[in-house]
C-alpha atoms as a PDB file:
ATOM      1  CA  UNK A   1     -19.930   5.679 -26.317  1.00  0.00           C
ATOM      2  CA  UNK A   2     -17.446   5.558 -23.102  1.00  0.00           C
ATOM      3  CA  UNK A   3     -15.369   8.268 -22.507  1.00  0.00           C
ATOM      4  CA  UNK A   4     -11.889   8.440 -22.800  1.00  0.00           C
ATOM      5  CA  UNK A   5     -10.172   8.213 -18.999  1.00  0.00           C
ATOM      6  CA  UNK A   6      -8.480  11.609 -18.025  1.00  0.00           C
ATOM      7  CA  UNK A   7      -4.398  11.026 -17.831  1.00  0.00           C
ATOM      8  CA  UNK A   8      -2.961  13.752 -15.497  1.00  0.00           C
ATOM      9  CA  UNK A   9      -1.147  16.319 -17.522  1.00  0.00           C
ATOM     10  CA  UNK A  10       2.383  15.017 -16.688  1.00  0.00           C
ATOM     11  CA  UNK A  11       1.970  11.664 -18.062  1.00  0.00           C
ATOM     12  CA  UNK A  12       0.729  13.353 -21.115  1.00  0.00           C
ATOM     13  CA  UNK A  13       3.680  15.532 -21.260  1.00  0.00           C
ATOM     14  CA  UNK A  14       5.796  12.692 -21.855  1.00  0.00           C
ATOM     15  CA  UNK A  15       3.651  10.801 -24.138  1.00  0.00           C
ATOM     16  CA  UNK A  16       3.512  13.472 -26.661  1.00  0.00           C
ATOM     17  CA  UNK A  17       6.532  15.432 -26.500  1.00  0.00           C
ATOM     18  CA  UNK A  18       9.338  14.152 -29.286  1.00  0.00           C
ATOM     19  CA  UNK A  19      12.662  12.314 -27.996  1.00  0.00           C
ATOM     20  CA  UNK A  20      15.404  13.126 -29.893  1.00  0.00           C
ATOM     21  CA  UNK A  21      18.873  11.311 -29.570  1.00  0.00           C
ATOM     22  CA  UNK A  22      21.858  13.540 -30.342  1.00  0.00           C
ATOM     23  CA  UNK A  23      25.135  12.398 -30.744  1.00  0.00           C
ATOM     24  CA  UNK A  24      28.387  15.022 -30.797  1.00  0.00           C
ATOM     25  CA  UNK A  25      31.671  14.848 -32.951  1.00  0.00           C
ATOM     26  CA  UNK A  26      33.318  13.229 -30.014  1.00  0.00           C
ATOM     27  CA  UNK A  27      30.725   9.826 -29.599  1.00  0.00           C
ATOM     28  CA  UNK A  28      28.450  11.056 -26.968  1.00  0.00           C
ATOM     29  CA  UNK A  29      25.126  10.770 -26.617  1.00  0.00           C
ATOM     30  CA  UNK A  30      22.266  13.302 -25.073  1.00  0.00           C
ATOM     31  CA  UNK A  31      18.673  13.227 -25.197  1.00  0.00           C
ATOM     32  CA  UNK A  32      16.865  16.323 -26.222  1.00  0.00           C
ATOM     33  CA  UNK A  33      13.041  16.232 -25.697  1.00  0.00           C
ATOM     34  CA  UNK A  34      11.007  18.894 -28.073  1.00  0.00           C
ATOM     35  CA  UNK A  35       7.814  20.256 -26.185  1.00  0.00           C
ATOM     36  CA  UNK A  36       4.579  20.099 -27.714  1.00  0.00           C
ATOM     37  CA  UNK A  37       2.450  22.930 -27.593  1.00  0.00           C
ATOM     38  CA  UNK A  38       0.220  21.742 -25.226  1.00  0.00           C
ATOM     39  CA  UNK A  39       3.539  21.444 -22.998  1.00  0.00           C
ATOM     40  CA  UNK A  40       4.264  24.906 -23.594  1.00  0.00           C
ATOM     41  CA  UNK A  41       0.634  26.329 -22.770  1.00  0.00           C
ATOM     42  CA  UNK A  42       0.749  24.158 -19.647  1.00  0.00           C
ATOM     43  CA  UNK A  43       4.200  25.392 -18.377  1.00  0.00           C
ATOM     44  CA  UNK A  44       3.202  29.012 -19.742  1.00  0.00           C
ATOM     45  CA  UNK A  45      -0.089  28.673 -17.727  1.00  0.00           C
ATOM     46  CA  UNK A  46       1.730  27.779 -14.282  1.00  0.00           C
ATOM     47  CA  UNK A  47       4.735  30.394 -14.745  1.00  0.00           C
ATOM     48  CA  UNK A  48       1.960  32.725 -14.848  1.00  0.00           C
ATOM     49  CA  UNK A  49      -0.314  31.393 -11.737  1.00  0.00           C
ATOM     50  CA  UNK A  50       3.222  31.184  -9.460  1.00  0.00           C
ATOM     51  CA  UNK A  51       4.394  34.537 -10.786  1.00  0.00           C
ATOM     52  CA  UNK A  52       1.374  35.859  -9.310  1.00  0.00           C
ATOM     53  CA  UNK A  53       0.990  34.004  -6.309  1.00  0.00           C
ATOM     54  CA  UNK A  54       4.528  35.695  -5.538  1.00  0.00           C
ATOM     55  CA  UNK A  55       3.431  38.888  -5.735  1.00  0.00           C
ATOM     56  CA  UNK A  56       0.118  38.562  -3.627  1.00  0.00           C
ATOM     57  CA  UNK A  57       2.584  36.653  -1.068  1.00  0.00           C
ATOM     58  CA  UNK A  58       4.605  40.040  -1.106  1.00  0.00           C
ATOM     59  CA  UNK A  59       7.388  38.486  -2.573  1.00  0.00           C
ATOM     60  CA  UNK A  60       8.277  41.406  -4.624  1.00  0.00           C
ATOM     61  CA  UNK A  61      11.269  43.973  -4.274  1.00  0.00           C
ATOM     62  CA  UNK A  62      11.046  47.658  -4.124  1.00  0.00           C
ATOM     63  CA  UNK A  63      11.232  48.057  -7.946  1.00  0.00           C
ATOM     64  CA  UNK A  64       8.909  45.918  -9.147  1.00  0.00           C
ATOM     65  CA  UNK A  65      10.950  42.408  -9.251  1.00  0.00           C
ATOM     66  CA  UNK A  66       9.929  38.978  -7.789  1.00  0.00           C
ATOM     67  CA  UNK A  67      11.846  38.282  -4.951  1.00  0.00           C
ATOM     68  CA  UNK A  68      13.324  35.103  -5.764  1.00  0.00           C
ATOM     69  CA  UNK A  69      15.851  34.833  -3.604  1.00  0.00           C
ATOM     70  CA  UNK A  70      13.617  35.192  -0.053  1.00  0.00           C
ATOM     71  CA  UNK A  71      11.132  32.591  -1.388  1.00  0.00           C
ATOM     72  CA  UNK A  72      14.097  30.541  -1.846  1.00  0.00           C
ATOM     73  CA  UNK A  73      15.505  30.678   1.612  1.00  0.00           C
ATOM     74  CA  UNK A  74      12.070  30.664   2.870  1.00  0.00           C
ATOM     75  CA  UNK A  75      11.075  27.147   1.177  1.00  0.00           C
ATOM     76  CA  UNK A  76      14.205  25.697   0.835  1.00  0.00           C
ATOM     77  CA  UNK A  77      14.251  25.032  -2.836  1.00  0.00           C
ATOM     78  CA  UNK A  78      16.885  26.419  -4.897  1.00  0.00           C
ATOM     79  CA  UNK A  79      16.605  29.600  -6.400  1.00  0.00           C
ATOM     80  CA  UNK A  80      18.165  28.681  -9.898  1.00  0.00           C
ATOM     81  CA  UNK A  81      14.816  25.883  -9.561  1.00  0.00           C
ATOM     82  CA  UNK A  82      12.308  29.048  -9.216  1.00  0.00           C
ATOM     83  CA  UNK A  83      13.698  31.350 -11.907  1.00  0.00           C
ATOM     84  CA  UNK A  84      12.929  28.200 -14.340  1.00  0.00           C
ATOM     85  CA  UNK A  85       9.693  27.706 -13.007  1.00  0.00           C
ATOM     86  CA  UNK A  86       9.086  31.731 -13.864  1.00  0.00           C
ATOM     87  CA  UNK A  87      10.903  31.707 -16.878  1.00  0.00           C
ATOM     88  CA  UNK A  88       8.708  28.961 -18.612  1.00  0.00           C
ATOM     89  CA  UNK A  89      11.565  26.397 -18.934  1.00  0.00           C
ATOM     90  CA  UNK A  90      11.233  23.933 -16.407  1.00  0.00           C
ATOM     91  CA  UNK A  91       8.685  21.338 -14.485  1.00  0.00           C
ATOM     92  CA  UNK A  92       8.479  21.247 -10.528  1.00  0.00           C
ATOM     93  CA  UNK A  93       8.434  17.820  -8.629  1.00  0.00           C
ATOM     94  CA  UNK A  94       5.273  16.864  -6.048  1.00  0.00           C
ATOM     95  CA  UNK A  95       8.128  17.469  -3.587  1.00  0.00           C
ATOM     96  CA  UNK A  96       9.474  21.234  -4.501  1.00  0.00           C
ATOM     97  CA  UNK A  97       5.955  22.717  -4.360  1.00  0.00           C
ATOM     98  CA  UNK A  98       5.035  20.808  -1.196  1.00  0.00           C
ATOM     99  CA  UNK A  99       8.038  22.808   0.183  1.00  0.00           C
ATOM    100  CA  UNK A 100       7.122  25.992  -2.038  1.00  0.00           C
ATOM    101  CA  UNK A 101       3.119  26.251  -1.023  1.00  0.00           C
ATOM    102  CA  UNK A 102       3.344  27.172   2.608  1.00  0.00           C
ATOM    103  CA  UNK A 103       5.745  30.025   1.903  1.00  0.00           C
ATOM    104  CA  UNK A 104       3.285  31.210  -0.802  1.00  0.00           C
ATOM    105  CA  UNK A 105       0.174  30.856   1.686  1.00  0.00           C
ATOM    106  CA  UNK A 106      -1.265  28.337  -0.909  1.00  0.00           C
ATOM    107  CA  UNK A 107      -2.707  24.701  -0.248  1.00  0.00           C
ATOM    108  CA  UNK A 108      -0.161  22.361  -2.156  1.00  0.00           C
ATOM    109  CA  UNK A 109      -2.815  21.137  -4.128  1.00  0.00           C
ATOM    110  CA  UNK A 110      -3.530  24.451  -5.623  1.00  0.00           C
ATOM    111  CA  UNK A 111      -0.146  24.218  -6.591  1.00  0.00           C
ATOM    112  CA  UNK A 112      -0.222  20.400  -7.935  1.00  0.00           C
ATOM    113  CA  UNK A 113      -2.985  21.362 -10.270  1.00  0.00           C
ATOM    114  CA  UNK A 114      -2.035  24.507 -11.671  1.00  0.00           C
ATOM    115  CA  UNK A 115       1.761  22.527 -12.629  1.00  0.00           C
ATOM    116  CA  UNK A 116      -0.518  19.916 -14.052  1.00  0.00           C
ATOM    117  CA  UNK A 117       0.879  17.291 -11.889  1.00  0.00           C
ATOM    118  CA  UNK A 118      -2.471  15.851 -11.150  1.00  0.00           C
ATOM    119  CA  UNK A 119      -6.089  16.224 -12.021  1.00  0.00           C
ATOM    120  CA  UNK A 120      -8.690  18.575 -10.164  1.00  0.00           C
ATOM    121  CA  UNK A 121     -10.769  15.781  -9.058  1.00  0.00           C
ATOM    122  CA  UNK A 122      -7.837  13.976  -8.147  1.00  0.00           C
ATOM    123  CA  UNK A 123      -7.402  16.386  -5.178  1.00  0.00           C
ATOM    124  CA  UNK A 124     -10.625  17.016  -4.409  1.00  0.00           C
ATOM    125  CA  UNK A 125     -11.300  19.996  -6.539  1.00  0.00           C
ATOM    126  CA  UNK A 126     -14.478  20.885  -8.948  1.00  0.00           C
ATOM    127  CA  UNK A 127     -11.815  22.784 -11.413  1.00  0.00           C
ATOM    128  CA  UNK A 128      -8.949  25.252 -11.883  1.00  0.00           C
ATOM    129  CA  UNK A 129      -7.544  26.508  -8.510  1.00  0.00           C
ATOM    130  CA  UNK A 130      -8.602  29.911  -8.046  1.00  0.00           C
ATOM    131  CA  UNK A 131      -6.015  32.264  -9.017  1.00  0.00           C
ATOM    132  CA  UNK A 132      -4.177  33.686  -5.718  1.00  0.00           C
ATOM    133  CA  UNK A 133      -6.102  37.043  -4.351  1.00  0.00           C
ATOM    134  CA  UNK A 134      -4.278  39.034  -1.815  1.00  0.00           C
ATOM    135  CA  UNK A 135      -6.573  39.613   1.435  1.00  0.00           C
ATOM    136  CA  UNK A 136      -8.410  42.731   2.047  1.00  0.00           C
ATOM    137  CA  UNK A 137      -6.401  45.802   3.127  1.00  0.00           C
ATOM    138  CA  UNK A 138      -7.353  47.043   6.385  1.00  0.00           C
ATOM    139  CA  UNK A 139      -9.340  49.948   4.598  1.00  0.00           C
ATOM    140  CA  UNK A 140     -11.202  47.021   2.715  1.00  0.00           C
ATOM    141  CA  UNK A 141     -12.002  45.416   5.954  1.00  0.00           C
ATOM    142  CA  UNK A 142     -13.043  48.834   7.758  1.00  0.00           C
ATOM    143  CA  UNK A 143     -15.058  49.837   4.977  1.00  0.00           C
ATOM    144  CA  UNK A 144     -17.190  46.224   4.854  1.00  0.00           C
ATOM    145  CA  UNK A 145     -17.416  46.206   8.802  1.00  0.00           C
ATOM    146  CA  UNK A 146     -21.657  46.755   8.927  1.00  0.00           C
ATOM    147  CA  UNK A 147     -21.185  47.452  13.031  1.00  0.00           C
ATOM    148  CA  UNK A 148     -19.449  50.493  12.070  1.00  0.00           C
ATOM    149  CA  UNK A 149     -20.931  54.199  11.144  1.00  0.00           C
ATOM    150  CA  UNK A 150     -19.757  55.642   8.377  1.00  0.00           C
ATOM    151  CA  UNK A 151     -17.991  58.302  11.012  1.00  0.00           C
ATOM    152  CA  UNK A 152     -16.098  55.760  12.564  1.00  0.00           C
ATOM    153  CA  UNK A 153     -15.148  54.594   9.412  1.00  0.00           C
ATOM    154  CA  UNK A 154     -13.881  57.432   8.185  1.00  0.00           C
ATOM    155  CA  UNK A 155     -11.889  58.491  11.504  1.00  0.00           C
ATOM    156  CA  UNK A 156     -10.425  54.763  11.430  1.00  0.00           C
ATOM    157  CA  UNK A 157      -9.335  55.368   7.949  1.00  0.00           C
ATOM    158  CA  UNK A 158      -7.697  58.473   8.649  1.00  0.00           C
ATOM    159  CA  UNK A 159      -5.620  56.786  12.107  1.00  0.00           C
ATOM    160  CA  UNK A 160      -4.316  54.259   9.767  1.00  0.00           C
ATOM    161  CA  UNK A 161      -3.069  56.925   7.127  1.00  0.00           C
ATOM    162  CA  UNK A 162      -1.592  59.024   9.758  1.00  0.00           C
ATOM    163  CA  UNK A 163       0.117  55.957  11.684  1.00  0.00           C
ATOM    164  CA  UNK A 164       1.929  55.118   8.081  1.00  0.00           C
ATOM    165  CA  UNK A 165       2.755  58.697   7.577  1.00  0.00           C
ATOM    166  CA  UNK A 166       4.518  58.555  11.225  1.00  0.00           C
ATOM    167  CA  UNK A 167       6.108  55.410  10.087  1.00  0.00           C
ATOM    168  CA  UNK A 168       7.715  56.765   6.995  1.00  0.00           C
ATOM    169  CA  UNK A 169       8.457  60.005   8.914  1.00  0.00           C
ATOM    170  CA  UNK A 170       9.810  59.143  12.690  1.00  0.00           C
ATOM    171  CA  UNK A 171      10.078  61.938  14.597  1.00  0.00           C
ATOM    172  CA  UNK A 172      10.981  62.542  18.372  1.00  0.00           C
ATOM    173  CA  UNK A 173       9.254  60.410  20.648  1.00  0.00           C
ATOM    174  CA  UNK A 174       6.097  62.497  22.130  1.00  0.00           C
ATOM    175  CA  UNK A 175       6.135  62.705  25.518  1.00  0.00           C
ATOM    176  CA  UNK A 176       2.763  62.632  27.448  1.00  0.00           C
ATOM    177  CA  UNK A 177       1.597  65.742  29.935  1.00  0.00           C
ATOM    178  CA  UNK A 178       1.996  65.379  33.294  1.00  0.00           C
ATOM    179  CA  UNK A 179      -0.828  66.390  35.120  1.00  0.00           C
END
């Protein structure tokens, strides 16, 4: 029994979608593509992956909303296009994903696979790309260090917290004591 060859999701999207031709009362024609359930699922998964990548890369405003304009400036991809991806209303191109990847700190191939434009095997992945993960915090890195003693770890974390507090509440600069 022979196996069916795998077709990239982008092609299945075009092949599985229904195309509707519509003429309005003025005789103008338009083409509408009805998305299949598979297309909707793929767009939903990519939107979730893309939103998480934006959060991990710190494209988040103080109110918790995603900072699309900043990502648009950093990647040279129009913000309306990025919003369409987030709202599951559009399919990205390889060119635009290639522009966005460095701004998100991700390899382009992860975005290619997450978007469904290529299969994991086509770009050397064994499976789906790992979800974006934030780098460890300084505190996590200190706690994971096997060389430092527990007392040293505690002192370093206390110093970090004090420095952060000082940055939040700047005081007059302290002068060194003259000897």
